[in-house]
């Protein structure tokens, strides 16, 4: 996977738009004129190999938390004879899917995440404890998925901007793109 910049065909670098060199690109990122977007799957794969032990542990702990919460909903449903709590598993599954940062309606799912907090408070104040609990499961899932995506995505993005070769390889593999914040034009490999 490691290739020198001279090994990468010239059209790949021209596809990055107006940036003639990696230094130009880095200055534009530092000046917040452009944003580097990363593919969440590539970011997660990169993170698995390169994140610090602490960050890997934290991401794994978030996953374990979701499985523990699902198990707790089953145990709680059986213990309390409140079988509505079994709905926590499909609720977590649906929220897990819709909170993925790669979806085209990411901003709307963020609004939905905020709405979950408000809905939880409403249910809790209305005395609807089971509904509040299910909403809390949804909110927990949303927060865990977004947190792990943020950790892996931001670490991958930082690594891309420190290593020209990694950036060019990722750009060539469609693992990242560049967006002009003023014109909103996106530059990616064609």
C-alpha atoms as a PDB file:
ATOM      1  CA  UNK A   1       0.000   0.000   0.000  1.00  0.00           C
ATOM      2  CA  UNK A   2       2.874   2.383   0.628  1.00  0.00           C
ATOM      3  CA  UNK A   3       3.779   4.142  -2.615  1.00  0.00           C
ATOM      4  CA  UNK A   4       5.856   7.209  -3.235  1.00  0.00           C
ATOM      5  CA  UNK A   5       4.170  10.334  -4.509  1.00  0.00           C
ATOM      6  CA  UNK A   6       6.069   9.927  -7.782  1.00  0.00           C
ATOM      7  CA  UNK A   7       4.489   6.460  -8.201  1.00  0.00           C
ATOM      8  CA  UNK A   8       0.973   7.887  -8.088  1.00  0.00           C
ATOM      9  CA  UNK A   9      -0.280   9.071 -11.469  1.00  0.00           C
ATOM     10  CA  UNK A  10      -0.452  12.847 -11.974  1.00  0.00           C
ATOM     11  CA  UNK A  11      -4.248  12.899 -12.583  1.00  0.00           C
ATOM     12  CA  UNK A  12      -4.859  11.779  -8.992  1.00  0.00           C
ATOM     13  CA  UNK A  13      -3.190  14.890  -7.595  1.00  0.00           C
ATOM     14  CA  UNK A  14      -4.869  17.222 -10.114  1.00  0.00           C
ATOM     15  CA  UNK A  15      -8.222  15.779  -9.019  1.00  0.00           C
ATOM     16  CA  UNK A  16      -7.656  17.344  -5.599  1.00  0.00           C
ATOM     17  CA  UNK A  17      -8.631  20.594  -7.216  1.00  0.00           C
ATOM     18  CA  UNK A  18      -6.621  23.790  -7.098  1.00  0.00           C
ATOM     19  CA  UNK A  19      -3.959  22.406  -4.775  1.00  0.00           C
ATOM     20  CA  UNK A  20      -0.610  21.952  -6.496  1.00  0.00           C
ATOM     21  CA  UNK A  21       1.146  20.470  -3.467  1.00  0.00           C
ATOM     22  CA  UNK A  22       0.358  18.777  -0.193  1.00  0.00           C
ATOM     23  CA  UNK A  23       1.621  21.886   1.596  1.00  0.00           C
ATOM     24  CA  UNK A  24      -1.021  23.973  -0.216  1.00  0.00           C
ATOM     25  CA  UNK A  25      -3.673  21.489   0.826  1.00  0.00           C
ATOM     26  CA  UNK A  26      -2.455  21.506   4.438  1.00  0.00           C
ATOM     27  CA  UNK A  27      -2.521  25.314   4.584  1.00  0.00           C
ATOM     28  CA  UNK A  28      -6.085  25.336   3.258  1.00  0.00           C
ATOM     29  CA  UNK A  29      -7.149  22.787   5.882  1.00  0.00           C
ATOM     30  CA  UNK A  30      -5.422  24.778   8.644  1.00  0.00           C
ATOM     31  CA  UNK A  31      -7.123  27.928   7.432  1.00  0.00           C
ATOM     32  CA  UNK A  32     -10.478  26.108   7.427  1.00  0.00           C
ATOM     33  CA  UNK A  33     -10.953  26.915   3.744  1.00  0.00           C
ATOM     34  CA  UNK A  34     -11.451  23.239   2.999  1.00  0.00           C
ATOM     35  CA  UNK A  35     -12.557  20.174   4.906  1.00  0.00           C
ATOM     36  CA  UNK A  36     -11.217  16.665   4.483  1.00  0.00           C
ATOM     37  CA  UNK A  37     -13.994  14.103   4.656  1.00  0.00           C
ATOM     38  CA  UNK A  38     -13.236  10.478   5.462  1.00  0.00           C
ATOM     39  CA  UNK A  39     -15.072   7.253   4.763  1.00  0.00           C
ATOM     40  CA  UNK A  40     -16.154   5.803   8.147  1.00  0.00           C
ATOM     41  CA  UNK A  41     -15.358   2.222   7.140  1.00  0.00           C
ATOM     42  CA  UNK A  42     -11.828   3.107   6.018  1.00  0.00           C
ATOM     43  CA  UNK A  43     -11.412   5.206   9.166  1.00  0.00           C
ATOM     44  CA  UNK A  44     -12.453   2.285  11.365  1.00  0.00           C
ATOM     45  CA  UNK A  45     -10.099  -0.085   9.549  1.00  0.00           C
ATOM     46  CA  UNK A  46      -7.226   2.384   9.846  1.00  0.00           C
ATOM     47  CA  UNK A  47      -8.036   3.007  13.511  1.00  0.00           C
ATOM     48  CA  UNK A  48      -7.948  -0.711  14.295  1.00  0.00           C
ATOM     49  CA  UNK A  49      -4.328  -0.802  13.179  1.00  0.00           C
ATOM     50  CA  UNK A  50      -3.106   2.611  14.353  1.00  0.00           C
ATOM     51  CA  UNK A  51      -5.066   3.994  17.319  1.00  0.00           C
ATOM     52  CA  UNK A  52      -3.490   4.090  20.755  1.00  0.00           C
ATOM     53  CA  UNK A  53      -4.418   1.309  23.162  1.00  0.00           C
ATOM     54  CA  UNK A  54      -6.508   3.695  25.227  1.00  0.00           C
ATOM     55  CA  UNK A  55      -8.602   4.830  22.254  1.00  0.00           C
ATOM     56  CA  UNK A  56      -9.024   1.248  21.034  1.00  0.00           C
ATOM     57  CA  UNK A  57     -10.135   0.275  24.538  1.00  0.00           C
ATOM     58  CA  UNK A  58     -12.588   3.169  24.654  1.00  0.00           C
ATOM     59  CA  UNK A  59     -14.172   2.255  21.290  1.00  0.00           C
ATOM     60  CA  UNK A  60     -14.394  -1.403  22.358  1.00  0.00           C
ATOM     61  CA  UNK A  61     -15.938  -0.345  25.681  1.00  0.00           C
ATOM     62  CA  UNK A  62     -18.635   1.580  23.825  1.00  0.00           C
ATOM     63  CA  UNK A  63     -19.509  -1.559  21.861  1.00  0.00           C
ATOM     64  CA  UNK A  64     -19.517  -3.659  25.011  1.00  0.00           C
ATOM     65  CA  UNK A  65     -21.772  -1.092  26.670  1.00  0.00           C
ATOM     66  CA  UNK A  66     -24.375  -1.546  23.930  1.00  0.00           C
ATOM     67  CA  UNK A  67     -24.330  -5.344  24.280  1.00  0.00           C
ATOM     68  CA  UNK A  68     -24.544  -5.071  28.063  1.00  0.00           C
ATOM     69  CA  UNK A  69     -27.491  -2.688  27.788  1.00  0.00           C
ATOM     70  CA  UNK A  70     -29.283  -5.083  25.428  1.00  0.00           C
ATOM     71  CA  UNK A  71     -28.721  -7.973  27.835  1.00  0.00           C
ATOM     72  CA  UNK A  72     -29.942  -5.818  30.718  1.00  0.00           C
ATOM     73  CA  UNK A  73     -33.164  -5.066  28.823  1.00  0.00           C
ATOM     74  CA  UNK A  74     -33.883  -8.794  28.435  1.00  0.00           C
ATOM     75  CA  UNK A  75     -33.050  -9.519  32.077  1.00  0.00           C
ATOM     76  CA  UNK A  76     -35.097  -6.523  33.226  1.00  0.00           C
ATOM     77  CA  UNK A  77     -38.071  -7.532  31.090  1.00  0.00           C
ATOM     78  CA  UNK A  78     -38.093 -11.036  32.572  1.00  0.00           C
ATOM     79  CA  UNK A  79     -37.374  -9.905  36.142  1.00  0.00           C
ATOM     80  CA  UNK A  80     -39.968  -7.115  36.200  1.00  0.00           C
ATOM     81  CA  UNK A  81     -42.546  -8.878  34.003  1.00  0.00           C
ATOM     82  CA  UNK A  82     -42.480  -5.785  31.797  1.00  0.00           C
ATOM     83  CA  UNK A  83     -42.119  -7.340  28.375  1.00  0.00           C
ATOM     84  CA  UNK A  84     -42.205  -3.954  26.635  1.00  0.00           C
ATOM     85  CA  UNK A  85     -38.560  -3.683  27.668  1.00  0.00           C
ATOM     86  CA  UNK A  86     -37.779  -6.382  25.077  1.00  0.00           C
ATOM     87  CA  UNK A  87     -38.429  -3.674  22.489  1.00  0.00           C
ATOM     88  CA  UNK A  88     -35.084  -2.146  23.517  1.00  0.00           C
ATOM     89  CA  UNK A  89     -33.221  -4.542  21.219  1.00  0.00           C
ATOM     90  CA  UNK A  90     -35.028  -3.558  17.988  1.00  0.00           C
ATOM     91  CA  UNK A  91     -34.906   0.086  19.127  1.00  0.00           C
ATOM     92  CA  UNK A  92     -31.135  -0.161  19.565  1.00  0.00           C
ATOM     93  CA  UNK A  93     -30.790  -1.884  16.192  1.00  0.00           C
ATOM     94  CA  UNK A  94     -32.755   0.806  14.362  1.00  0.00           C
ATOM     95  CA  UNK A  95     -30.967   3.669  16.090  1.00  0.00           C
ATOM     96  CA  UNK A  96     -27.603   2.004  15.444  1.00  0.00           C
ATOM     97  CA  UNK A  97     -28.346   2.015  11.719  1.00  0.00           C
ATOM     98  CA  UNK A  98     -29.756   5.556  11.550  1.00  0.00           C
ATOM     99  CA  UNK A  99     -26.964   7.113  13.630  1.00  0.00           C
ATOM    100  CA  UNK A 100     -24.204   6.011  11.249  1.00  0.00           C
ATOM    101  CA  UNK A 101     -22.268   9.125  10.193  1.00  0.00           C
ATOM    102  CA  UNK A 102     -21.968   7.904   6.579  1.00  0.00           C
ATOM    103  CA  UNK A 103     -25.662   8.200   5.810  1.00  0.00           C
ATOM    104  CA  UNK A 104     -26.823  10.971   3.510  1.00  0.00           C
ATOM    105  CA  UNK A 105     -29.262  12.298   6.107  1.00  0.00           C
ATOM    106  CA  UNK A 106     -26.627  12.571   8.843  1.00  0.00           C
ATOM    107  CA  UNK A 107     -27.705  16.064   9.906  1.00  0.00           C
ATOM    108  CA  UNK A 108     -31.297  14.949  10.332  1.00  0.00           C
ATOM    109  CA  UNK A 109     -30.201  11.996  12.442  1.00  0.00           C
ATOM    110  CA  UNK A 110     -28.313  14.470  14.653  1.00  0.00           C
ATOM    111  CA  UNK A 111     -31.562  16.407  15.100  1.00  0.00           C
ATOM    112  CA  UNK A 112     -33.186  13.074  15.943  1.00  0.00           C
ATOM    113  CA  UNK A 113     -30.525  12.440  18.582  1.00  0.00           C
ATOM    114  CA  UNK A 114     -31.311  15.757  20.242  1.00  0.00           C
ATOM    115  CA  UNK A 115     -35.031  14.979  20.004  1.00  0.00           C
ATOM    116  CA  UNK A 116     -34.394  11.707  21.861  1.00  0.00           C
ATOM    117  CA  UNK A 117     -33.125  13.648  24.874  1.00  0.00           C
ATOM    118  CA  UNK A 118     -36.193  15.886  24.868  1.00  0.00           C
ATOM    119  CA  UNK A 119     -38.495  12.894  24.410  1.00  0.00           C
ATOM    120  CA  UNK A 120     -36.793  11.077  27.292  1.00  0.00           C
ATOM    121  CA  UNK A 121     -37.388  14.056  29.593  1.00  0.00           C
ATOM    122  CA  UNK A 122     -41.016  14.321  28.475  1.00  0.00           C
ATOM    123  CA  UNK A 123     -41.693  10.629  29.098  1.00  0.00           C
ATOM    124  CA  UNK A 124     -39.932  10.719  32.439  1.00  0.00           C
ATOM    125  CA  UNK A 125     -41.856  13.779  33.662  1.00  0.00           C
ATOM    126  CA  UNK A 126     -45.116  12.241  32.415  1.00  0.00           C
ATOM    127  CA  UNK A 127     -44.516   9.110  34.478  1.00  0.00           C
ATOM    128  CA  UNK A 128     -44.127   6.876  31.435  1.00  0.00           C
ATOM    129  CA  UNK A 129     -41.141   4.990  32.802  1.00  0.00           C
ATOM    130  CA  UNK A 130     -41.055   2.185  30.226  1.00  0.00           C
ATOM    131  CA  UNK A 131     -41.229   4.637  27.308  1.00  0.00           C
ATOM    132  CA  UNK A 132     -38.527   6.746  28.968  1.00  0.00           C
ATOM    133  CA  UNK A 133     -36.364   3.650  29.401  1.00  0.00           C
ATOM    134  CA  UNK A 134     -36.731   2.662  25.737  1.00  0.00           C
ATOM    135  CA  UNK A 135     -35.906   6.227  24.713  1.00  0.00           C
ATOM    136  CA  UNK A 136     -32.833   6.121  26.962  1.00  0.00           C
ATOM    137  CA  UNK A 137     -31.714   2.933  25.192  1.00  0.00           C
ATOM    138  CA  UNK A 138     -32.068   4.755  21.879  1.00  0.00           C
ATOM    139  CA  UNK A 139     -30.152   7.767  23.176  1.00  0.00           C
ATOM    140  CA  UNK A 140     -27.370   5.593  24.597  1.00  0.00           C
ATOM    141  CA  UNK A 141     -27.001   3.773  21.275  1.00  0.00           C
ATOM    142  CA  UNK A 142     -26.965   7.033  19.339  1.00  0.00           C
ATOM    143  CA  UNK A 143     -24.292   8.539  21.591  1.00  0.00           C
ATOM    144  CA  UNK A 144     -22.097   5.415  21.523  1.00  0.00           C
ATOM    145  CA  UNK A 145     -22.170   5.095  17.731  1.00  0.00           C
ATOM    146  CA  UNK A 146     -21.452   8.784  17.201  1.00  0.00           C
ATOM    147  CA  UNK A 147     -18.649   8.818  19.799  1.00  0.00           C
ATOM    148  CA  UNK A 148     -16.859   5.826  18.293  1.00  0.00           C
ATOM    149  CA  UNK A 149     -17.287   7.280  14.792  1.00  0.00           C
ATOM    150  CA  UNK A 150     -15.886  10.594  15.959  1.00  0.00           C
ATOM    151  CA  UNK A 151     -12.852   8.980  17.581  1.00  0.00           C
ATOM    152  CA  UNK A 152     -11.936   6.871  14.554  1.00  0.00           C
ATOM    153  CA  UNK A 153     -12.807   9.528  11.959  1.00  0.00           C
ATOM    154  CA  UNK A 154     -10.923  12.368  13.593  1.00  0.00           C
ATOM    155  CA  UNK A 155      -7.845  10.216  14.224  1.00  0.00           C
ATOM    156  CA  UNK A 156      -7.801   9.097  10.574  1.00  0.00           C
ATOM    157  CA  UNK A 157      -8.309  12.672   9.353  1.00  0.00           C
ATOM    158  CA  UNK A 158      -5.401  13.939  11.491  1.00  0.00           C
ATOM    159  CA  UNK A 159      -3.158  11.151  10.210  1.00  0.00           C
ATOM    160  CA  UNK A 160      -4.071  12.013   6.611  1.00  0.00           C
ATOM    161  CA  UNK A 161      -3.018  15.616   7.097  1.00  0.00           C
ATOM    162  CA  UNK A 162       0.324  14.627   8.630  1.00  0.00           C
ATOM    163  CA  UNK A 163       1.361  12.141   5.954  1.00  0.00           C
ATOM    164  CA  UNK A 164       1.288  13.060   2.267  1.00  0.00           C
ATOM    165  CA  UNK A 165       1.699   9.473   1.134  1.00  0.00           C
ATOM    166  CA  UNK A 166      -1.165   8.267   3.317  1.00  0.00           C
ATOM    167  CA  UNK A 167      -3.356  11.095   2.041  1.00  0.00           C
ATOM    168  CA  UNK A 168      -2.642  10.291  -1.607  1.00  0.00           C
ATOM    169  CA  UNK A 169      -3.242   6.585  -1.070  1.00  0.00           C
ATOM    170  CA  UNK A 170      -6.492   7.252   0.764  1.00  0.00           C
ATOM    171  CA  UNK A 171      -7.610   9.739  -1.876  1.00  0.00           C
ATOM    172  CA  UNK A 172      -6.776   7.234  -4.609  1.00  0.00           C
ATOM    173  CA  UNK A 173      -8.772   4.534  -2.765  1.00  0.00           C
ATOM    174  CA  UNK A 174     -11.761   6.900  -2.265  1.00  0.00           C
ATOM    175  CA  UNK A 175     -11.223   6.771   1.492  1.00  0.00           C
ATOM    176  CA  UNK A 176     -11.269  10.557   1.679  1.00  0.00           C
ATOM    177  CA  UNK A 177     -12.450  13.600  -0.202  1.00  0.00           C
ATOM    178  CA  UNK A 178     -11.830  17.335  -0.069  1.00  0.00           C
ATOM    179  CA  UNK A 179     -14.628  19.907   0.155  1.00  0.00           C
ATOM    180  CA  UNK A 180     -14.269  23.626  -0.458  1.00  0.00           C
ATOM    181  CA  UNK A 181     -16.129  25.246   2.452  1.00  0.00           C
ATOM    182  CA  UNK A 182     -16.974  28.364   0.452  1.00  0.00           C
ATOM    183  CA  UNK A 183     -18.251  26.863  -2.807  1.00  0.00           C
ATOM    184  CA  UNK A 184     -19.243  23.479  -1.290  1.00  0.00           C
ATOM    185  CA  UNK A 185     -17.568  21.763  -4.232  1.00  0.00           C
ATOM    186  CA  UNK A 186     -16.276  18.290  -3.424  1.00  0.00           C
ATOM    187  CA  UNK A 187     -13.058  17.009  -4.967  1.00  0.00           C
ATOM    188  CA  UNK A 188     -12.671  13.266  -5.126  1.00  0.00           C
ATOM    189  CA  UNK A 189     -11.074  10.704  -7.406  1.00  0.00           C
ATOM    190  CA  UNK A 190     -13.155   9.983 -10.481  1.00  0.00           C
END
